[in-house]
């Protein structure tokens, strides 16, 4: 029950929930998340550390970057799928999606 309680505590934070929504689509590095969320690197890293400690997020190194991605947790996937289905009710999540697209286009042009 402790893990479930910790999971819901982690989901109650807006920044962590926004991070999880982005990671449900694809892996991101900290630099991408800071740009998309318009938050500082230490703040994003702190939230990612919490999610990693809970076993919700894992990392993979790719050259000099560390990419974060969701673990295979059916419950978390289901919760995020429900939220994604209702995304039009949450303008901040729609804005995040726009920023992700912009970030990816910018990376493709490098």
C-alpha atoms as a PDB file:
ATOM      1  CA  UNK A   1       0.000   0.000   0.000  1.00  0.00           C
ATOM      2  CA  UNK A   2       2.962   2.299   0.673  1.00  0.00           C
ATOM      3  CA  UNK A   3       4.021   2.296  -2.992  1.00  0.00           C
ATOM      4  CA  UNK A   4       0.487   3.174  -4.101  1.00  0.00           C
ATOM      5  CA  UNK A   5       0.314   6.030  -1.592  1.00  0.00           C
ATOM      6  CA  UNK A   6       3.674   7.363  -2.812  1.00  0.00           C
ATOM      7  CA  UNK A   7       2.511   7.081  -6.413  1.00  0.00           C
ATOM      8  CA  UNK A   8      -0.562   9.202  -5.748  1.00  0.00           C
ATOM      9  CA  UNK A   9       1.538  11.736  -3.846  1.00  0.00           C
ATOM     10  CA  UNK A  10       3.860  11.994  -6.829  1.00  0.00           C
ATOM     11  CA  UNK A  11       0.917  12.429  -9.210  1.00  0.00           C
ATOM     12  CA  UNK A  12      -0.484  15.223  -7.048  1.00  0.00           C
ATOM     13  CA  UNK A  13       2.388  17.519  -8.044  1.00  0.00           C
ATOM     14  CA  UNK A  14       1.641  19.464 -11.238  1.00  0.00           C
ATOM     15  CA  UNK A  15       5.223  19.489 -12.511  1.00  0.00           C
ATOM     16  CA  UNK A  16       5.652  15.740 -12.021  1.00  0.00           C
ATOM     17  CA  UNK A  17       2.334  15.049 -13.694  1.00  0.00           C
ATOM     18  CA  UNK A  18       3.341  17.217 -16.658  1.00  0.00           C
ATOM     19  CA  UNK A  19       6.679  15.396 -16.885  1.00  0.00           C
ATOM     20  CA  UNK A  20       4.932  12.024 -16.838  1.00  0.00           C
ATOM     21  CA  UNK A  21       2.553  13.110 -19.583  1.00  0.00           C
ATOM     22  CA  UNK A  22       5.506  14.041 -21.797  1.00  0.00           C
ATOM     23  CA  UNK A  23       7.384  10.849 -20.978  1.00  0.00           C
ATOM     24  CA  UNK A  24       4.285   8.834 -21.854  1.00  0.00           C
ATOM     25  CA  UNK A  25       4.804   9.960 -25.464  1.00  0.00           C
ATOM     26  CA  UNK A  26       8.603   9.555 -25.719  1.00  0.00           C
ATOM     27  CA  UNK A  27      11.859   9.760 -23.789  1.00  0.00           C
ATOM     28  CA  UNK A  28      13.248  13.210 -23.005  1.00  0.00           C
ATOM     29  CA  UNK A  29      16.483  14.555 -21.596  1.00  0.00           C
ATOM     30  CA  UNK A  30      16.525  17.110 -18.770  1.00  0.00           C
ATOM     31  CA  UNK A  31      17.450  19.920 -21.175  1.00  0.00           C
ATOM     32  CA  UNK A  32      14.330  19.243 -23.267  1.00  0.00           C
ATOM     33  CA  UNK A  33      12.097  19.088 -20.202  1.00  0.00           C
ATOM     34  CA  UNK A  34      13.465  22.370 -18.817  1.00  0.00           C
ATOM     35  CA  UNK A  35      12.800  24.089 -22.132  1.00  0.00           C
ATOM     36  CA  UNK A  36       9.309  22.656 -22.545  1.00  0.00           C
ATOM     37  CA  UNK A  37       8.202  23.260 -18.953  1.00  0.00           C
ATOM     38  CA  UNK A  38      10.058  26.571 -18.665  1.00  0.00           C
ATOM     39  CA  UNK A  39      11.509  25.490 -15.314  1.00  0.00           C
ATOM     40  CA  UNK A  40      15.038  25.385 -13.926  1.00  0.00           C
ATOM     41  CA  UNK A  41      17.269  22.363 -14.403  1.00  0.00           C
ATOM     42  CA  UNK A  42      17.606  21.711 -10.642  1.00  0.00           C
ATOM     43  CA  UNK A  43      13.817  21.706 -10.222  1.00  0.00           C
ATOM     44  CA  UNK A  44      13.269  19.285 -13.111  1.00  0.00           C
ATOM     45  CA  UNK A  45      16.103  17.045 -11.910  1.00  0.00           C
ATOM     46  CA  UNK A  46      14.609  16.936  -8.406  1.00  0.00           C
ATOM     47  CA  UNK A  47      11.230  15.833  -9.757  1.00  0.00           C
ATOM     48  CA  UNK A  48      12.839  13.227 -12.007  1.00  0.00           C
ATOM     49  CA  UNK A  49      14.800  11.848  -9.046  1.00  0.00           C
ATOM     50  CA  UNK A  50      11.552  11.405  -7.101  1.00  0.00           C
ATOM     51  CA  UNK A  51       9.902   9.619 -10.037  1.00  0.00           C
ATOM     52  CA  UNK A  52      12.976   7.430 -10.527  1.00  0.00           C
ATOM     53  CA  UNK A  53      13.084   6.512  -6.823  1.00  0.00           C
ATOM     54  CA  UNK A  54       9.455   5.374  -7.094  1.00  0.00           C
ATOM     55  CA  UNK A  55      10.346   3.176 -10.042  1.00  0.00           C
ATOM     56  CA  UNK A  56       8.072   5.072 -12.427  1.00  0.00           C
ATOM     57  CA  UNK A  57      10.919   6.458 -14.537  1.00  0.00           C
ATOM     58  CA  UNK A  58      14.163   4.933 -15.801  1.00  0.00           C
ATOM     59  CA  UNK A  59      17.178   6.413 -17.561  1.00  0.00           C
ATOM     60  CA  UNK A  60      19.265   5.605 -20.598  1.00  0.00           C
ATOM     61  CA  UNK A  61      22.517   7.346 -21.542  1.00  0.00           C
ATOM     62  CA  UNK A  62      22.893   8.434 -25.153  1.00  0.00           C
ATOM     63  CA  UNK A  63      26.274  10.099 -25.785  1.00  0.00           C
ATOM     64  CA  UNK A  64      26.451  13.032 -23.327  1.00  0.00           C
ATOM     65  CA  UNK A  65      22.714  13.060 -22.565  1.00  0.00           C
ATOM     66  CA  UNK A  66      20.663  11.020 -20.126  1.00  0.00           C
ATOM     67  CA  UNK A  67      17.172  10.306 -21.369  1.00  0.00           C
ATOM     68  CA  UNK A  68      14.269   9.608 -19.047  1.00  0.00           C
ATOM     69  CA  UNK A  69      11.421   7.295 -19.986  1.00  0.00           C
ATOM     70  CA  UNK A  70       8.486   5.589 -18.279  1.00  0.00           C
ATOM     71  CA  UNK A  71       8.872   2.102 -16.916  1.00  0.00           C
ATOM     72  CA  UNK A  72       6.305  -0.504 -17.833  1.00  0.00           C
ATOM     73  CA  UNK A  73       3.780   0.115 -15.081  1.00  0.00           C
ATOM     74  CA  UNK A  74       0.269  -0.711 -16.265  1.00  0.00           C
ATOM     75  CA  UNK A  75      -1.408   1.353 -13.549  1.00  0.00           C
ATOM     76  CA  UNK A  76       0.577   4.517 -14.364  1.00  0.00           C
ATOM     77  CA  UNK A  77       0.019   3.953 -18.091  1.00  0.00           C
ATOM     78  CA  UNK A  78      -3.742   3.655 -17.511  1.00  0.00           C
ATOM     79  CA  UNK A  79      -3.885   6.819 -15.381  1.00  0.00           C
ATOM     80  CA  UNK A  80      -1.949   8.790 -18.019  1.00  0.00           C
ATOM     81  CA  UNK A  81      -4.137   7.374 -20.813  1.00  0.00           C
ATOM     82  CA  UNK A  82      -7.240   8.627 -19.026  1.00  0.00           C
ATOM     83  CA  UNK A  83      -5.676  12.056 -18.599  1.00  0.00           C
ATOM     84  CA  UNK A  84      -4.543  12.119 -22.244  1.00  0.00           C
ATOM     85  CA  UNK A  85      -8.125  11.307 -23.275  1.00  0.00           C
ATOM     86  CA  UNK A  86      -9.309  14.357 -21.285  1.00  0.00           C
ATOM     87  CA  UNK A  87      -6.397  16.607 -22.321  1.00  0.00           C
ATOM     88  CA  UNK A  88      -8.628  19.273 -23.865  1.00  0.00           C
ATOM     89  CA  UNK A  89      -9.806  20.042 -20.322  1.00  0.00           C
ATOM     90  CA  UNK A  90      -6.239  20.988 -19.296  1.00  0.00           C
ATOM     91  CA  UNK A  91      -4.844  23.915 -21.328  1.00  0.00           C
ATOM     92  CA  UNK A  92      -1.407  23.640 -19.697  1.00  0.00           C
ATOM     93  CA  UNK A  93      -1.019  20.096 -21.036  1.00  0.00           C
ATOM     94  CA  UNK A  94      -2.015  21.244 -24.522  1.00  0.00           C
ATOM     95  CA  UNK A  95       0.570  24.012 -24.276  1.00  0.00           C
ATOM     96  CA  UNK A  96       3.187  21.453 -23.207  1.00  0.00           C
ATOM     97  CA  UNK A  97       2.360  19.380 -26.298  1.00  0.00           C
ATOM     98  CA  UNK A  98       2.891  22.430 -28.501  1.00  0.00           C
ATOM     99  CA  UNK A  99       6.260  23.088 -26.847  1.00  0.00           C
ATOM    100  CA  UNK A 100       7.282  19.441 -27.336  1.00  0.00           C
ATOM    101  CA  UNK A 101       6.541  19.738 -31.050  1.00  0.00           C
ATOM    102  CA  UNK A 102       8.516  22.982 -31.246  1.00  0.00           C
ATOM    103  CA  UNK A 103      11.432  21.438 -29.352  1.00  0.00           C
ATOM    104  CA  UNK A 104      11.498  18.420 -31.672  1.00  0.00           C
ATOM    105  CA  UNK A 105      11.372  20.563 -34.799  1.00  0.00           C
ATOM    106  CA  UNK A 106      14.236  22.675 -33.456  1.00  0.00           C
ATOM    107  CA  UNK A 107      16.287  19.537 -32.734  1.00  0.00           C
ATOM    108  CA  UNK A 108      15.626  18.199 -36.250  1.00  0.00           C
ATOM    109  CA  UNK A 109      17.007  21.416 -37.749  1.00  0.00           C
ATOM    110  CA  UNK A 110      20.330  21.151 -35.889  1.00  0.00           C
END
